[in-house]
Each structure stands twice: as C-alpha cells, then as structure tokens.
Amino acid sequence: MKKNNLINVAIQVLPEADGKTKYELVDAAIAVITGSGLKYRVCPFETVVECTLEQALLLIPEIHEACRTAGTDRMLTYLKIQTDFNRDVTIEDKMEKYD
C-alpha cells in the first residue's frame, strides 16, 4: 500500500456519562472530525472518514480526548477500515448510486 493511499474508516463511539445524553458526547467526537479538515460523512450509527491510515491513527486519540473533556466517563470505540492496496478508497465508491 502506498503510504498516502486513501482509506475509509468508519468510527463509532459509544460514550457513557452520568447525567449527560449520549448525543451531546457523540457531537464532541464529530466536532473533532469536522475540525480535522478530512472528508467525512455522518451516518446514523457511525461516521465514515476518508483519510490515510496514519491520519486515522492520529484522529482516534483526539476523539477520545474530546469526549473525555465533554464529560464522558466510559466509552467504547469501534473502527472499520476499508483498504485497497492498489488504489484510493473513497466515500463516493460506495455512495454514488445513492446520492
């Protein structure tokens, strides 16, 4: 795989905190993704980010810290990574027929 090959990463966070709604905590994670400047799509169960593997691995700790700062006590994070070793993977590859 080329070092700068684009991949798709589906990121799902399931934060828990006493007295906080899950949605406001998830919003903290989405704000980090939005602020990253990376291409992304918010979906009902996860957010898909188009980036390099290196960018994804740097993004996850930032998401965790933002959720912690927002009041998350405990959190599960699920990742799904789609890689094509010969070409970039784009969000449009999967979504173009639905847009």
N, C-alpha and C. Protein backbone atom coordinates (compact mmCIF):
# COMPACT_ATOMS: atom_id res chain seq x y z
N MET A 1 0.85 -1.18 0.00
CA MET A 1 0.00 0.00 0.00
C MET A 1 0.89 1.23 0.00
N LYS A 2 0.53 2.19 -0.84
CA LYS A 2 1.23 3.47 -0.82
C LYS A 2 0.99 4.14 0.52
N LYS A 3 1.98 4.83 1.00
CA LYS A 3 1.85 5.46 2.31
C LYS A 3 0.70 6.46 2.37
N ASN A 4 0.45 7.15 1.29
CA ASN A 4 -0.60 8.17 1.30
C ASN A 4 -1.89 7.69 0.64
N ASN A 5 -2.04 6.38 0.49
CA ASN A 5 -3.26 5.82 -0.08
C ASN A 5 -4.44 6.20 0.81
N LEU A 6 -5.54 6.64 0.19
CA LEU A 6 -6.74 6.95 0.96
C LEU A 6 -7.47 5.66 1.32
N ILE A 7 -7.97 5.63 2.53
CA ILE A 7 -8.77 4.52 3.04
C ILE A 7 -10.07 5.10 3.55
N ASN A 8 -11.03 4.26 3.87
CA ASN A 8 -12.24 4.68 4.57
C ASN A 8 -12.20 4.07 5.95
N VAL A 9 -12.48 4.89 6.95
CA VAL A 9 -12.54 4.44 8.33
C VAL A 9 -13.91 4.80 8.88
N ALA A 10 -14.65 3.79 9.31
CA ALA A 10 -15.93 4.02 9.97
C ALA A 10 -15.66 4.06 11.46
N ILE A 11 -16.01 5.18 12.09
CA ILE A 11 -15.75 5.38 13.51
C ILE A 11 -17.08 5.47 14.25
N GLN A 12 -17.26 4.58 15.19
CA GLN A 12 -18.45 4.62 16.04
C GLN A 12 -18.00 4.74 17.48
N VAL A 13 -18.47 5.77 18.16
CA VAL A 13 -18.18 5.93 19.58
C VAL A 13 -19.47 5.75 20.36
N LEU A 14 -19.36 5.04 21.46
CA LEU A 14 -20.49 4.82 22.36
C LEU A 14 -20.08 5.31 23.74
N PRO A 15 -20.21 6.63 23.96
CA PRO A 15 -19.80 7.21 25.24
C PRO A 15 -20.86 7.01 26.31
N GLU A 16 -20.41 6.96 27.55
CA GLU A 16 -21.31 6.88 28.69
C GLU A 16 -20.87 7.88 29.73
N ALA A 17 -21.84 8.57 30.29
CA ALA A 17 -21.56 9.52 31.37
C ALA A 17 -22.84 9.74 32.16
N ASP A 18 -22.71 9.78 33.46
CA ASP A 18 -23.86 10.04 34.30
C ASP A 18 -24.35 11.47 34.08
N GLY A 19 -25.64 11.62 33.81
CA GLY A 19 -26.23 12.95 33.68
C GLY A 19 -26.03 13.61 32.32
N LYS A 20 -25.44 12.93 31.38
CA LYS A 20 -25.23 13.51 30.04
C LYS A 20 -25.93 12.64 29.01
N THR A 21 -26.43 13.26 27.96
CA THR A 21 -27.01 12.47 26.88
C THR A 21 -25.89 11.98 25.97
N LYS A 22 -26.07 10.80 25.44
CA LYS A 22 -25.06 10.24 24.55
C LYS A 22 -24.85 11.12 23.33
N TYR A 23 -25.92 11.75 22.84
CA TYR A 23 -25.80 12.54 21.62
C TYR A 23 -24.88 13.74 21.79
N GLU A 24 -24.94 14.41 22.93
CA GLU A 24 -24.04 15.55 23.10
C GLU A 24 -22.59 15.11 23.21
N LEU A 25 -22.36 13.93 23.71
CA LEU A 25 -20.99 13.40 23.79
C LEU A 25 -20.51 12.95 22.41
N VAL A 26 -21.40 12.34 21.64
CA VAL A 26 -21.05 11.95 20.27
C VAL A 26 -20.76 13.21 19.44
N ASP A 27 -21.50 14.29 19.69
CA ASP A 27 -21.25 15.55 18.99
C ASP A 27 -19.82 16.04 19.20
N ALA A 28 -19.25 15.78 20.36
CA ALA A 28 -17.85 16.17 20.62
C ALA A 28 -16.91 15.41 19.70
N ALA A 29 -17.20 14.13 19.46
CA ALA A 29 -16.38 13.33 18.55
C ALA A 29 -16.52 13.84 17.12
N ILE A 30 -17.74 14.14 16.71
CA ILE A 30 -17.98 14.63 15.36
C ILE A 30 -17.32 15.99 15.15
N ALA A 31 -17.29 16.81 16.18
CA ALA A 31 -16.62 18.12 16.08
C ALA A 31 -15.14 17.96 15.79
N VAL A 32 -14.50 16.97 16.38
CA VAL A 32 -13.08 16.72 16.11
C VAL A 32 -12.90 16.31 14.64
N ILE A 33 -13.77 15.44 14.17
CA ILE A 33 -13.68 15.00 12.78
C ILE A 33 -13.91 16.18 11.84
N THR A 34 -14.91 16.99 12.13
CA THR A 34 -15.20 18.17 11.31
C THR A 34 -14.00 19.12 11.30
N GLY A 35 -13.41 19.33 12.45
CA GLY A 35 -12.26 20.23 12.57
C GLY A 35 -10.98 19.70 11.94
N SER A 36 -10.95 18.42 11.64
CA SER A 36 -9.74 17.82 11.07
C SER A 36 -9.51 18.24 9.62
N GLY A 37 -10.56 18.69 8.95
CA GLY A 37 -10.45 19.04 7.54
C GLY A 37 -10.51 17.85 6.61
N LEU A 38 -10.67 16.65 7.17
CA LEU A 38 -10.77 15.44 6.37
C LEU A 38 -12.19 15.31 5.81
N LYS A 39 -12.31 14.63 4.70
CA LYS A 39 -13.62 14.37 4.11
C LYS A 39 -14.31 13.33 4.98
N TYR A 40 -15.60 13.55 5.27
CA TYR A 40 -16.33 12.62 6.13
C TYR A 40 -17.81 12.64 5.80
N ARG A 41 -18.50 11.63 6.30
CA ARG A 41 -19.95 11.56 6.18
C ARG A 41 -20.50 11.01 7.48
N VAL A 42 -21.40 11.77 8.10
CA VAL A 42 -22.07 11.32 9.32
C VAL A 42 -23.23 10.42 8.91
N CYS A 43 -23.28 9.24 9.49
CA CYS A 43 -24.34 8.27 9.23
C CYS A 43 -25.05 7.97 10.55
N PRO A 44 -26.17 7.27 10.53
CA PRO A 44 -26.92 7.05 11.77
C PRO A 44 -26.15 6.31 12.88
N PHE A 45 -25.27 5.40 12.50
CA PHE A 45 -24.58 4.60 13.51
C PHE A 45 -23.09 4.87 13.63
N GLU A 46 -22.53 5.59 12.66
CA GLU A 46 -21.09 5.81 12.65
C GLU A 46 -20.79 6.98 11.72
N THR A 47 -19.57 7.44 11.77
CA THR A 47 -19.11 8.47 10.85
C THR A 47 -17.98 7.88 10.03
N VAL A 48 -18.07 8.03 8.72
CA VAL A 48 -17.06 7.50 7.82
C VAL A 48 -16.10 8.63 7.43
N VAL A 49 -14.82 8.37 7.57
CA VAL A 49 -13.79 9.37 7.28
C VAL A 49 -12.91 8.83 6.15
N GLU A 50 -12.61 9.71 5.20
CA GLU A 50 -11.71 9.38 4.09
C GLU A 50 -10.37 10.02 4.41
N CYS A 51 -9.35 9.18 4.59
CA CYS A 51 -8.05 9.69 5.03
C CYS A 51 -6.99 8.61 4.81
N THR A 52 -5.77 8.92 5.18
CA THR A 52 -4.73 7.90 5.18
C THR A 52 -4.80 7.14 6.50
N LEU A 53 -4.19 5.98 6.54
CA LEU A 53 -4.16 5.21 7.79
C LEU A 53 -3.48 6.02 8.89
N GLU A 54 -2.41 6.69 8.55
CA GLU A 54 -1.69 7.50 9.54
C GLU A 54 -2.60 8.59 10.11
N GLN A 55 -3.36 9.26 9.26
CA GLN A 55 -4.28 10.30 9.74
C GLN A 55 -5.34 9.71 10.66
N ALA A 56 -5.84 8.54 10.32
CA ALA A 56 -6.85 7.89 11.16
C ALA A 56 -6.30 7.57 12.54
N LEU A 57 -5.08 7.07 12.57
CA LEU A 57 -4.47 6.70 13.85
C LEU A 57 -4.16 7.91 14.72
N LEU A 58 -3.99 9.07 14.11
CA LEU A 58 -3.81 10.30 14.87
C LEU A 58 -5.16 10.88 15.33
N LEU A 59 -6.20 10.63 14.57
CA LEU A 59 -7.52 11.17 14.86
C LEU A 59 -8.17 10.52 16.08
N ILE A 60 -7.97 9.23 16.27
CA ILE A 60 -8.64 8.49 17.34
C ILE A 60 -8.31 9.06 18.73
N PRO A 61 -7.05 9.30 19.08
CA PRO A 61 -6.78 9.87 20.41
C PRO A 61 -7.41 11.26 20.58
N GLU A 62 -7.49 12.04 19.52
CA GLU A 62 -8.12 13.36 19.61
C GLU A 62 -9.61 13.21 19.90
N ILE A 63 -10.25 12.24 19.27
CA ILE A 63 -11.66 11.98 19.53
C ILE A 63 -11.87 11.55 20.98
N HIS A 64 -11.02 10.67 21.46
CA HIS A 64 -11.14 10.21 22.85
C HIS A 64 -10.97 11.37 23.83
N GLU A 65 -10.00 12.22 23.58
CA GLU A 65 -9.77 13.35 24.48
C GLU A 65 -10.94 14.32 24.46
N ALA A 66 -11.50 14.59 23.28
CA ALA A 66 -12.65 15.50 23.19
C ALA A 66 -13.85 14.94 23.94
N CYS A 67 -14.07 13.64 23.82
CA CYS A 67 -15.19 13.03 24.55
C CYS A 67 -14.95 13.06 26.05
N ARG A 68 -13.72 12.80 26.46
CA ARG A 68 -13.39 12.87 27.90
C ARG A 68 -13.62 14.27 28.43
N THR A 69 -13.15 15.26 27.69
CA THR A 69 -13.31 16.66 28.09
C THR A 69 -14.79 17.05 28.16
N ALA A 70 -15.60 16.46 27.28
CA ALA A 70 -17.04 16.76 27.26
C ALA A 70 -17.79 16.08 28.41
N GLY A 71 -17.09 15.21 29.15
CA GLY A 71 -17.71 14.59 30.32
C GLY A 71 -17.91 13.09 30.24
N THR A 72 -17.39 12.46 29.19
CA THR A 72 -17.51 11.01 29.06
C THR A 72 -16.74 10.31 30.17
N ASP A 73 -17.40 9.36 30.83
CA ASP A 73 -16.74 8.57 31.86
C ASP A 73 -16.17 7.27 31.29
N ARG A 74 -16.92 6.66 30.39
CA ARG A 74 -16.54 5.39 29.79
C ARG A 74 -16.92 5.45 28.32
N MET A 75 -16.18 4.74 27.46
CA MET A 75 -16.50 4.81 26.05
C MET A 75 -16.01 3.56 25.32
N LEU A 76 -16.85 3.07 24.44
CA LEU A 76 -16.45 2.03 23.51
C LEU A 76 -16.25 2.70 22.16
N THR A 77 -15.20 2.31 21.45
CA THR A 77 -14.93 2.84 20.12
C THR A 77 -14.77 1.66 19.17
N TYR A 78 -15.55 1.70 18.09
CA TYR A 78 -15.49 0.65 17.08
C TYR A 78 -14.97 1.27 15.79
N LEU A 79 -14.03 0.58 15.15
CA LEU A 79 -13.46 1.03 13.89
C LEU A 79 -13.64 -0.05 12.84
N LYS A 80 -13.99 0.38 11.63
CA LYS A 80 -13.97 -0.50 10.46
C LYS A 80 -13.11 0.22 9.44
N ILE A 81 -12.14 -0.49 8.89
CA ILE A 81 -11.20 0.12 7.95
C ILE A 81 -11.27 -0.62 6.62
N GLN A 82 -11.52 0.14 5.56
CA GLN A 82 -11.51 -0.43 4.21
C GLN A 82 -10.26 0.07 3.50
N THR A 83 -9.46 -0.87 3.04
CA THR A 83 -8.22 -0.56 2.34
C THR A 83 -8.20 -1.26 0.99
N ASP A 84 -7.72 -0.57 -0.01
CA ASP A 84 -7.42 -1.19 -1.31
C ASP A 84 -5.93 -0.94 -1.52
N PHE A 85 -5.15 -1.98 -1.63
CA PHE A 85 -3.70 -1.83 -1.71
C PHE A 85 -3.22 -1.28 -3.05
N ASN A 86 -4.13 -1.18 -4.02
CA ASN A 86 -3.74 -0.72 -5.34
C ASN A 86 -4.26 0.66 -5.71
N ARG A 87 -5.23 1.17 -4.97
CA ARG A 87 -5.78 2.47 -5.30
C ARG A 87 -6.44 3.08 -4.06
N ASP A 88 -6.81 4.35 -4.18
CA ASP A 88 -7.52 5.03 -3.10
C ASP A 88 -8.91 4.45 -2.92
N VAL A 89 -9.40 4.49 -1.70
CA VAL A 89 -10.79 4.14 -1.39
C VAL A 89 -11.49 5.45 -1.05
N THR A 90 -12.58 5.72 -1.73
CA THR A 90 -13.30 6.97 -1.48
C THR A 90 -14.72 6.69 -1.00
N ILE A 91 -15.28 7.65 -0.34
CA ILE A 91 -16.67 7.54 0.11
C ILE A 91 -17.59 7.37 -1.09
N GLU A 92 -17.30 8.10 -2.17
CA GLU A 92 -18.13 8.04 -3.37
C GLU A 92 -18.18 6.63 -3.97
N ASP A 93 -17.09 5.86 -3.81
CA ASP A 93 -17.08 4.49 -4.33
C ASP A 93 -18.31 3.71 -3.84
N LYS A 94 -18.69 3.93 -2.62
CA LYS A 94 -19.80 3.18 -2.03
C LYS A 94 -21.12 3.92 -2.12
N MET A 95 -21.09 5.23 -2.24
CA MET A 95 -22.31 6.03 -2.09
C MET A 95 -22.86 6.62 -3.38
N GLU A 96 -22.10 6.60 -4.47
CA GLU A 96 -22.52 7.33 -5.65
C GLU A 96 -23.89 6.94 -6.18
N LYS A 97 -24.27 5.68 -6.09
CA LYS A 97 -25.57 5.30 -6.62
C LYS A 97 -26.72 5.73 -5.70
N TYR A 98 -26.41 6.14 -4.46
CA TYR A 98 -27.45 6.57 -3.52
C TYR A 98 -27.60 8.08 -3.43
N ASP A 99 -26.63 8.80 -3.96
CA ASP A 99 -26.69 10.28 -3.87
C ASP A 99 -27.54 10.86 -4.96
